[in-house]
C-alpha atoms as a PDB file:
ATOM      1  CA  MET A   1      62.572  78.728  98.039  1.00  0.00           C
ATOM      2  CA  SER A   2      64.915  76.993  95.604  1.00  0.00           C
ATOM      3  CA  ASN A   3      64.188  73.614  94.042  1.00  0.00           C
ATOM      4  CA  HIS A   4      65.140  70.454  95.896  1.00  0.00           C
ATOM      5  CA  TYR A   5      68.123  68.404  94.905  1.00  0.00           C
ATOM      6  CA  ALA A   6      68.207  64.599  95.312  1.00  0.00           C
ATOM      7  CA  PHE A   7      70.650  61.948  96.454  1.00  0.00           C
ATOM      8  CA  LYS A   8      70.363  58.166  96.095  1.00  0.00           C
ATOM      9  CA  ALA A   9      71.907  56.751  99.283  1.00  0.00           C
ATOM     10  CA  ALA A  10      72.284  53.336 100.865  1.00  0.00           C
ATOM     11  CA  LYS A  11      72.095  52.170 104.444  1.00  0.00           C
ATOM     12  CA  ARG A  12      75.441  51.334 106.011  1.00  0.00           C
ATOM     13  CA  ASP A  13      76.256  48.899 108.756  1.00  0.00           C
ATOM     14  CA  GLY A  14      78.586  49.833 111.545  1.00  0.00           C
ATOM     15  CA  ALA A  15      80.281  53.100 112.422  1.00  0.00           C
ATOM     16  CA  GLY A  16      83.719  54.351 113.385  1.00  0.00           C
ATOM     17  CA  LYS A  17      86.854  55.383 111.536  1.00  0.00           C
ATOM     18  CA  GLY A  18      87.512  51.958 110.020  1.00  0.00           C
ATOM     19  CA  THR A  19      84.119  51.735 108.375  1.00  0.00           C
ATOM     20  CA  ALA A  20      84.349  55.341 107.178  1.00  0.00           C
ATOM     21  CA  ARG A  21      87.737  54.696 105.562  1.00  0.00           C
ATOM     22  CA  ALA A  22      86.492  51.616 103.827  1.00  0.00           C
ATOM     23  CA  LEU A  23      83.510  53.488 102.391  1.00  0.00           C
ATOM     24  CA  ARG A  24      85.742  56.313 101.120  1.00  0.00           C
ATOM     25  CA  ARG A  25      87.994  53.796  99.377  1.00  0.00           C
ATOM     26  CA  GLU A  26      84.845  52.566  97.619  1.00  0.00           C
ATOM     27  CA  GLY A  27      84.042  56.083  96.445  1.00  0.00           C
ATOM     28  CA  ARG A  28      81.309  56.745  98.961  1.00  0.00           C
ATOM     29  CA  VAL A  29      80.888  59.290 101.779  1.00  0.00           C
ATOM     30  CA  PRO A  30      79.484  58.267 105.174  1.00  0.00           C
ATOM     31  CA  ALA A  31      76.527  60.319 106.446  1.00  0.00           C
ATOM     32  CA  VAL A  32      73.740  60.238 108.972  1.00  0.00           C
ATOM     33  CA  ILE A  33      70.085  61.298 108.985  1.00  0.00           C
ATOM     34  CA  TYR A  34      68.679  62.427 112.358  1.00  0.00           C
ATOM     35  CA  GLY A  35      65.817  64.366 113.919  1.00  0.00           C
ATOM     36  CA  ASP A  36      61.984  64.314 113.872  1.00  0.00           C
ATOM     37  CA  ASN A  37      62.025  62.144 117.040  1.00  0.00           C
ATOM     38  CA  LYS A  38      63.279  59.158 115.034  1.00  0.00           C
ATOM     39  CA  GLU A  39      66.294  56.933 115.344  1.00  0.00           C
ATOM     40  CA  PRO A  40      69.407  58.161 113.458  1.00  0.00           C
ATOM     41  CA  LEU A  41      69.927  56.444 110.160  1.00  0.00           C
ATOM     42  CA  ASN A  42      73.462  55.697 109.009  1.00  0.00           C
ATOM     43  CA  ILE A  43      73.879  56.007 105.261  1.00  0.00           C
ATOM     44  CA  SER A  44      76.459  56.444 102.501  1.00  0.00           C
ATOM     45  CA  ILE A  45      76.286  58.654  99.427  1.00  0.00           C
ATOM     46  CA  PRO A  46      78.302  58.497  96.186  1.00  0.00           C
ATOM     47  CA  ALA A  47      81.296  60.799  96.705  1.00  0.00           C
ATOM     48  CA  ASN A  48      81.029  62.417  93.291  1.00  0.00           C
ATOM     49  CA  ASP A  49      77.338  63.285  93.804  1.00  0.00           C
ATOM     50  CA  ILE A  50      77.793  64.958  97.221  1.00  0.00           C
ATOM     51  CA  ASN A  51      80.959  66.852  96.164  1.00  0.00           C
ATOM     52  CA  VAL A  52      79.277  68.249  93.035  1.00  0.00           C
ATOM     53  CA  GLU A  53      76.336  69.459  95.110  1.00  0.00           C
ATOM     54  CA  TYR A  54      78.525  70.865  97.869  1.00  0.00           C
ATOM     55  CA  ASN A  55      80.590  72.895  95.368  1.00  0.00           C
ATOM     56  CA  LYS A  56      77.426  74.646  94.206  1.00  0.00           C
ATOM     57  CA  GLY A  57      77.485  76.381  97.569  1.00  0.00           C
ATOM     58  CA  ARG A  58      73.834  75.907  98.512  1.00  0.00           C
ATOM     59  CA  MET A  59      73.559  72.570 100.307  1.00  0.00           C
ATOM     60  CA  ARG A  60      72.896  74.146 103.731  1.00  0.00           C
ATOM     61  CA  ILE A  61      69.904  76.177 102.489  1.00  0.00           C
ATOM     62  CA  THR A  62      68.390  73.765  99.956  1.00  0.00           C
ATOM     63  CA  LEU A  63      66.185  70.791 100.870  1.00  0.00           C
ATOM     64  CA  CYS A  64      67.205  67.356  99.688  1.00  0.00           C
ATOM     65  CA  ASP A  65      65.057  64.385  98.696  1.00  0.00           C
ATOM     66  CA  MET A  66      67.215  61.591 100.154  1.00  0.00           C
ATOM     67  CA  ASN A  67      66.294  58.212  98.687  1.00  0.00           C
ATOM     68  CA  VAL A  68      67.588  55.466 100.986  1.00  0.00           C
ATOM     69  CA  ASP A  69      67.003  52.021  99.532  1.00  0.00           C
ATOM     70  CA  GLY A  70      63.725  53.140  97.994  1.00  0.00           C
ATOM     71  CA  GLU A  71      62.443  55.188 100.937  1.00  0.00           C
ATOM     72  CA  THR A  72      62.558  59.006 100.519  1.00  0.00           C
ATOM     73  CA  HIS A  73      63.423  61.335 103.424  1.00  0.00           C
ATOM     74  CA  LEU A  74      63.099  65.130 103.196  1.00  0.00           C
ATOM     75  CA  VAL A  75      66.286  66.467 104.754  1.00  0.00           C
ATOM     76  CA  LEU A  76      68.542  69.503 105.081  1.00  0.00           C
ATOM     77  CA  ALA A  77      72.357  69.358 105.326  1.00  0.00           C
ATOM     78  CA  ARG A  78      73.474  70.750 108.683  1.00  0.00           C
ATOM     79  CA  ASP A  79      77.060  69.748 109.293  1.00  0.00           C
ATOM     80  CA  ILE A  80      79.542  68.988 106.486  1.00  0.00           C
ATOM     81  CA  GLN A  81      83.068  67.837 107.311  1.00  0.00           C
ATOM     82  CA  LEU A  82      85.788  68.521 104.734  1.00  0.00           C
ATOM     83  CA  HIS A  83      89.299  67.236 104.169  1.00  0.00           C
ATOM     84  CA  PRO A  84      91.676  69.926 105.501  1.00  0.00           C
ATOM     85  CA  VAL A  85      93.814  69.966 102.363  1.00  0.00           C
ATOM     86  CA  THR A  86      91.628  68.887  99.396  1.00  0.00           C
ATOM     87  CA  ASP A  87      88.237  70.259 100.653  1.00  0.00           C
ATOM     88  CA  ILE A  88      86.429  67.118  99.557  1.00  0.00           C
ATOM     89  CA  VAL A  89      83.469  66.012 101.688  1.00  0.00           C
ATOM     90  CA  LEU A  90      84.403  63.417 104.301  1.00  0.00           C
ATOM     91  CA  HIS A  91      81.126  63.206 106.278  1.00  0.00           C
ATOM     92  CA  ALA A  92      77.714  64.891 106.375  1.00  0.00           C
ATOM     93  CA  ASP A  93      74.841  65.202 108.842  1.00  0.00           C
ATOM     94  CA  PHE A  94      71.302  65.683 107.497  1.00  0.00           C
ATOM     95  CA  LEU A  95      68.306  66.838 109.538  1.00  0.00           C
ATOM     96  CA  ARG A  96      64.869  65.411 108.825  1.00  0.00           C
ATOM     97  CA  VAL A  97      62.457  68.321 108.229  1.00  0.00           C
ATOM     98  CA  THR A  98      58.692  68.802 108.187  1.00  0.00           C
ATOM     99  CA  ASP A  99      56.416  71.797 107.746  1.00  0.00           C
ATOM    100  CA  LYS A 100      56.769  72.365 111.505  1.00  0.00           C
ATOM    101  CA  THR A 101      60.577  72.483 111.553  1.00  0.00           C
ATOM    102  CA  LYS A 102      62.055  75.912 112.477  1.00  0.00           C
ATOM    103  CA  ILE A 103      65.774  76.376 111.966  1.00  0.00           C
ATOM    104  CA  ALA A 104      68.535  78.997 111.814  1.00  0.00           C
ATOM    105  CA  VAL A 105      70.308  79.204 108.473  1.00  0.00           C
ATOM    106  CA  ALA A 106      72.970  81.509 107.006  1.00  0.00           C
ATOM    107  CA  VAL A 107      71.520  83.078 103.850  1.00  0.00           C
ATOM    108  CA  PRO A 108      73.555  85.004 101.216  1.00  0.00           C
ATOM    109  CA  VAL A 109      73.096  88.797 100.842  1.00  0.00           C
ATOM    110  CA  GLN A 110      72.430  90.518  97.500  1.00  0.00           C
ATOM    111  CA  LEU A 111      72.627  94.299  97.184  1.00  0.00           C
ATOM    112  CA  ILE A 112      70.069  95.970  94.945  1.00  0.00           C
ATOM    113  CA  ASN A 113      69.722  99.518  93.461  1.00  0.00           C
ATOM    114  CA  GLU A 114      73.453 100.126  93.446  1.00  0.00           C
ATOM    115  CA  ASP A 115      72.901 102.245  90.333  1.00  0.00           C
ATOM    116  CA  LYS A 116      70.693 104.528  92.482  1.00  0.00           C
ATOM    117  CA  CYS A 117      73.314 104.852  95.226  1.00  0.00           C
ATOM    118  CA  PRO A 118      74.958 108.331  95.134  1.00  0.00           C
ATOM    119  CA  GLY A 119      77.765 107.198  97.407  1.00  0.00           C
ATOM    120  CA  ILE A 120      78.932 104.513  94.953  1.00  0.00           C
ATOM    121  CA  ARG A 121      78.388 106.739  91.899  1.00  0.00           C
ATOM    122  CA  ASN A 122      80.558 109.446  93.503  1.00  0.00           C
ATOM    123  CA  GLY A 123      83.504 107.103  94.007  1.00  0.00           C
ATOM    124  CA  GLY A 124      82.723 105.698  97.455  1.00  0.00           C
ATOM    125  CA  VAL A 125      84.239 102.341  98.389  1.00  0.00           C
ATOM    126  CA  LEU A 126      81.742  99.588  99.138  1.00  0.00           C
ATOM    127  CA  ASP A 127      82.746  97.617 102.227  1.00  0.00           C
ATOM    128  CA  MET A 128      80.720  94.442 102.826  1.00  0.00           C
ATOM    129  CA  VAL A 129      80.359  93.719 106.531  1.00  0.00           C
ATOM    130  CA  ARG A 130      78.296  90.549 106.095  1.00  0.00           C
ATOM    131  CA  PHE A 131      78.098  88.399 102.975  1.00  0.00           C
ATOM    132  CA  ARG A 132      75.606  86.126 104.758  1.00  0.00           C
ATOM    133  CA  VAL A 133      72.994  86.773 107.460  1.00  0.00           C
ATOM    134  CA  GLU A 134      71.773  84.119 109.856  1.00  0.00           C
ATOM    135  CA  LEU A 135      67.975  83.933 109.719  1.00  0.00           C
ATOM    136  CA  TYR A 136      65.369  82.009 111.706  1.00  0.00           C
ATOM    137  CA  CYS A 137      62.694  80.560 109.488  1.00  0.00           C
ATOM    138  CA  SER A 138      60.666  77.513 108.504  1.00  0.00           C
ATOM    139  CA  ALA A 139      62.741  74.741 106.959  1.00  0.00           C
ATOM    140  CA  MET A 140      60.112  74.620 104.186  1.00  0.00           C
ATOM    141  CA  ASN A 141      60.573  78.313 103.389  1.00  0.00           C
ATOM    142  CA  ILE A 142      64.300  79.111 103.407  1.00  0.00           C
ATOM    143  CA  PRO A 143      65.112  82.144 101.237  1.00  0.00           C
ATOM    144  CA  GLU A 144      67.690  81.657  98.489  1.00  0.00           C
ATOM    145  CA  PHE A 145      69.045  85.115  99.425  1.00  0.00           C
ATOM    146  CA  ILE A 146      67.973  88.377 100.995  1.00  0.00           C
ATOM    147  CA  GLU A 147      67.985  91.721  99.189  1.00  0.00           C
ATOM    148  CA  VAL A 148      69.425  94.856 100.831  1.00  0.00           C
ATOM    149  CA  ASP A 149      68.430  98.162  99.274  1.00  0.00           C
ATOM    150  CA  MET A 150      71.248 100.676  98.559  1.00  0.00           C
ATOM    151  CA  GLU A 151      69.068 103.377  97.015  1.00  0.00           C
ATOM    152  CA  GLY A 152      69.875 106.869  98.295  1.00  0.00           C
ATOM    153  CA  LYS A 153      72.924 105.840 100.332  1.00  0.00           C
ATOM    154  CA  GLU A 154      75.651 108.516 100.486  1.00  0.00           C
ATOM    155  CA  ILE A 155      79.346 108.265 101.270  1.00  0.00           C
ATOM    156  CA  GLY A 156      79.613 107.512 104.994  1.00  0.00           C
ATOM    157  CA  ASP A 157      76.189 105.782 105.135  1.00  0.00           C
ATOM    158  CA  THR A 158      75.606 102.192 106.269  1.00  0.00           C
ATOM    159  CA  ALA A 159      73.176  99.685 104.853  1.00  0.00           C
ATOM    160  CA  LYS A 160      71.604  97.784 107.759  1.00  0.00           C
ATOM    161  CA  ILE A 161      69.347  94.791 108.284  1.00  0.00           C
ATOM    162  CA  SER A 162      66.412  97.224 108.323  1.00  0.00           C
ATOM    163  CA  ASP A 163      67.149  97.874 104.630  1.00  0.00           C
ATOM    164  CA  ALA A 164      66.666  94.196 103.832  1.00  0.00           C
ATOM    165  CA  LYS A 165      63.538  92.782 102.340  1.00  0.00           C
ATOM    166  CA  LEU A 166      62.725  89.716 104.479  1.00  0.00           C
ATOM    167  CA  PRO A 167      59.989  87.250 103.418  1.00  0.00           C
ATOM    168  CA  GLU A 168      57.019  86.803 105.699  1.00  0.00           C
ATOM    169  CA  GLY A 169      57.779  84.649 108.726  1.00  0.00           C
ATOM    170  CA  VAL A 170      61.559  85.176 108.403  1.00  0.00           C
ATOM    171  CA  LYS A 171      63.505  87.112 111.013  1.00  0.00           C
ATOM    172  CA  PRO A 172      67.167  87.649 111.861  1.00  0.00           C
ATOM    173  CA  VAL A 173      68.676  85.428 114.555  1.00  0.00           C
ATOM    174  CA  ILE A 174      70.239  88.604 116.052  1.00  0.00           C
ATOM    175  CA  GLU A 175      67.334  90.449 117.643  1.00  0.00           C
ATOM    176  CA  GLY A 176      67.091  93.934 119.071  1.00  0.00           C
ATOM    177  CA  ARG A 177      69.962  95.350 117.041  1.00  0.00           C
ATOM    178  CA  ASN A 178      69.894  97.011 113.615  1.00  0.00           C
ATOM    179  CA  PHE A 179      73.230  95.552 112.572  1.00  0.00           C
ATOM    180  CA  ALA A 180      75.291  96.616 109.577  1.00  0.00           C
ATOM    181  CA  ILE A 181      75.376  94.804 106.236  1.00  0.00           C
ATOM    182  CA  ALA A 182      77.589  97.150 104.183  1.00  0.00           C
ATOM    183  CA  ASN A 183      79.310 100.548 104.508  1.00  0.00           C
ATOM    184  CA  ILE A 184      80.122 103.167 101.900  1.00  0.00           C
ATOM    185  CA  ALA A 185      83.538 104.569 102.780  1.00  0.00           C
ATOM    186  CA  ALA A 186      85.177 107.701 101.392  1.00  0.00           C
ATOM    187  CA  PRO A 187      87.704 107.054  98.632  1.00  0.00           C
ATOM    188  CA  LYS A 188      91.327 107.144  99.845  1.00  0.00           C
ATOM    189  CA  ALA A 189      93.367 110.170  98.706  1.00  0.00           C
ATOM    190  CA  ILE A 190      96.184 109.397  96.282  1.00  0.00           C
ATOM    191  CA  GLU A 191      99.455 110.425  97.856  1.00  0.00           C
ATOM    192  CA  GLU A 192     102.132 111.972  95.671  1.00  0.00           C
ATOM    193  CA  PRO A 193     105.466 110.144  95.915  1.00  0.00           C
ATOM    194  CA  VAL A 194     108.153 112.046  97.840  1.00  0.00           C
ATOM    195  CA  VAL A 195     111.484 112.335  95.943  1.00  0.00           C
ATOM    196  CA  GLU A 196     114.406 112.496  98.366  1.00  0.00           C
ATOM    197  CA  ALA A 197     117.715 114.063  97.418  1.00  0.00           C
ATOM    198  CA  GLU A 198     120.507 111.509  96.918  1.00  0.00           C
ATOM    199  CA  GLU A 199     123.002 111.318  99.690  1.00  0.00           C
ATOM    200  CA  GLY A 200     126.080 113.487  99.137  1.00  0.00           C
ATOM    201  CA  THR A 201     124.434 115.797  96.568  1.00  0.00           C
ATOM    202  CA  GLU A 202     124.294 118.856  98.838  1.00  0.00           C
ATOM    203  CA  GLY A 203     127.954 118.469  99.876  1.00  0.00           C
ATOM    204  CA  GLU A 204     129.058 118.180  96.301  1.00  0.00           C
ATOM    205  CA  ALA A 205     127.117 121.315  95.380  1.00  0.00           C
ATOM    206  CA  ALA A 206     128.717 123.311  98.242  1.00  0.00           C
ATOM    207  CA  GLU A 207     132.194 122.271  97.154  1.00  0.00           C
ATOM    208  CA  GLY A 208     131.413 123.383  93.633  1.00  0.00           C
ATOM    209  CA  GLU A 209     130.154 126.786  94.820  1.00  0.00           C
ATOM    210  CA  ALA A 210     133.300 127.339  96.934  1.00  0.00           C
ATOM    211  CA  ALA A 211     135.527 126.610  93.908  1.00  0.00           C
ATOM    212  CA  GLU A 212     133.660 129.082  91.759  1.00  0.00           C
ATOM    213  CA  GLY A 213     133.765 131.772  94.439  1.00  0.00           C
ATOM    214  CA  GLY A 214     137.626 131.941  94.397  1.00  0.00           C
ATOM    215  CA  ASP A 215     138.074 130.741  97.975  1.00  0.00           C
ATOM    216  CA  ALA A 216     140.351 127.943  96.797  1.00  0.00           C
ATOM    217  CA  PRO A 217     144.074 128.813  96.366  1.00  0.00           C
ATOM    218  CA  ALA A 218     145.135 129.798  92.856  1.00  0.00           C
ATOM    219  CA  GLU A 219     147.245 127.434  90.865  1.00  0.00           C
ATOM    220  CA  GLY A 220     150.972 128.079  91.309  1.00  0.00           C
ATOM    221  CA  GLY A 221     150.528 130.113  94.501  1.00  0.00           C
ATOM    222  CA  GLU A 222     152.837 127.966  96.552  1.00  0.00           C
ATOM    223  CA  GLU A 223     155.451 128.018  93.796  1.00  0.00           C
ATOM    224  CA  ALA A 224     155.382 131.857  93.745  1.00  0.00           C
ATOM    225  CA  LYS A 225     156.044 131.994  97.508  1.00  0.00           C
ATOM    226  CA  GLU A 226     158.967 129.666  97.219  1.00  0.00           C
ATOM    227  CA  GLU A 227     160.539 131.707  94.377  1.00  0.00           C
ATOM    228  CA  GLY A 228     160.088 134.936  96.366  1.00  0.00           C
ATOM    229  CA  GLY A 229     161.759 133.462  99.430  1.00  0.00           C
ATOM    230  CA  GLU A 230     164.846 132.508  97.491  1.00  0.00           C
END
């Protein structure tokens, strides 16, 4: 489990688009904390802080110590709304978590032992089917990533979830199916470029051959006939 990150938030009064716009103009992002059979808590977070953390790419799998006016809540980001053009964070939902909280999270995949993979060494093309795998686990024990072993895989083989090393108590959300993580495809053959003859070349060659073969009338032939007729 990775280390927690922390935000210093403030309670916010009111809700709705008008309040949210006003907060954003002040450089803050509206958010809400919910869950654990408690009332939702409307908060705001400094925009720079939440955008920096979001751009690290791990907010949804890393716990956060959310300090709200001096009171700390252990939370996990669940829904993050982004601006459609700029990708800055517009709103975020955080779930309160305890040691009893079980959740589904999408965890990054890391391939290991690629140097011991004959398929890759022999020029095979690695095709990632899943860069992340959704896992069901305790909120207090979310893996930073899962490792998938590529040792011994040949061209045409598939690395599956059964090749992954999952921590104790962690299981895939997809059950009953040994789904693919990555394939090793055969390298594509390099096709030689086809050179086509330029249009009119064959016709020009035939005319040249006819001229050399003597089929064309000799120079002065018509003049000789005219002289003989006179």
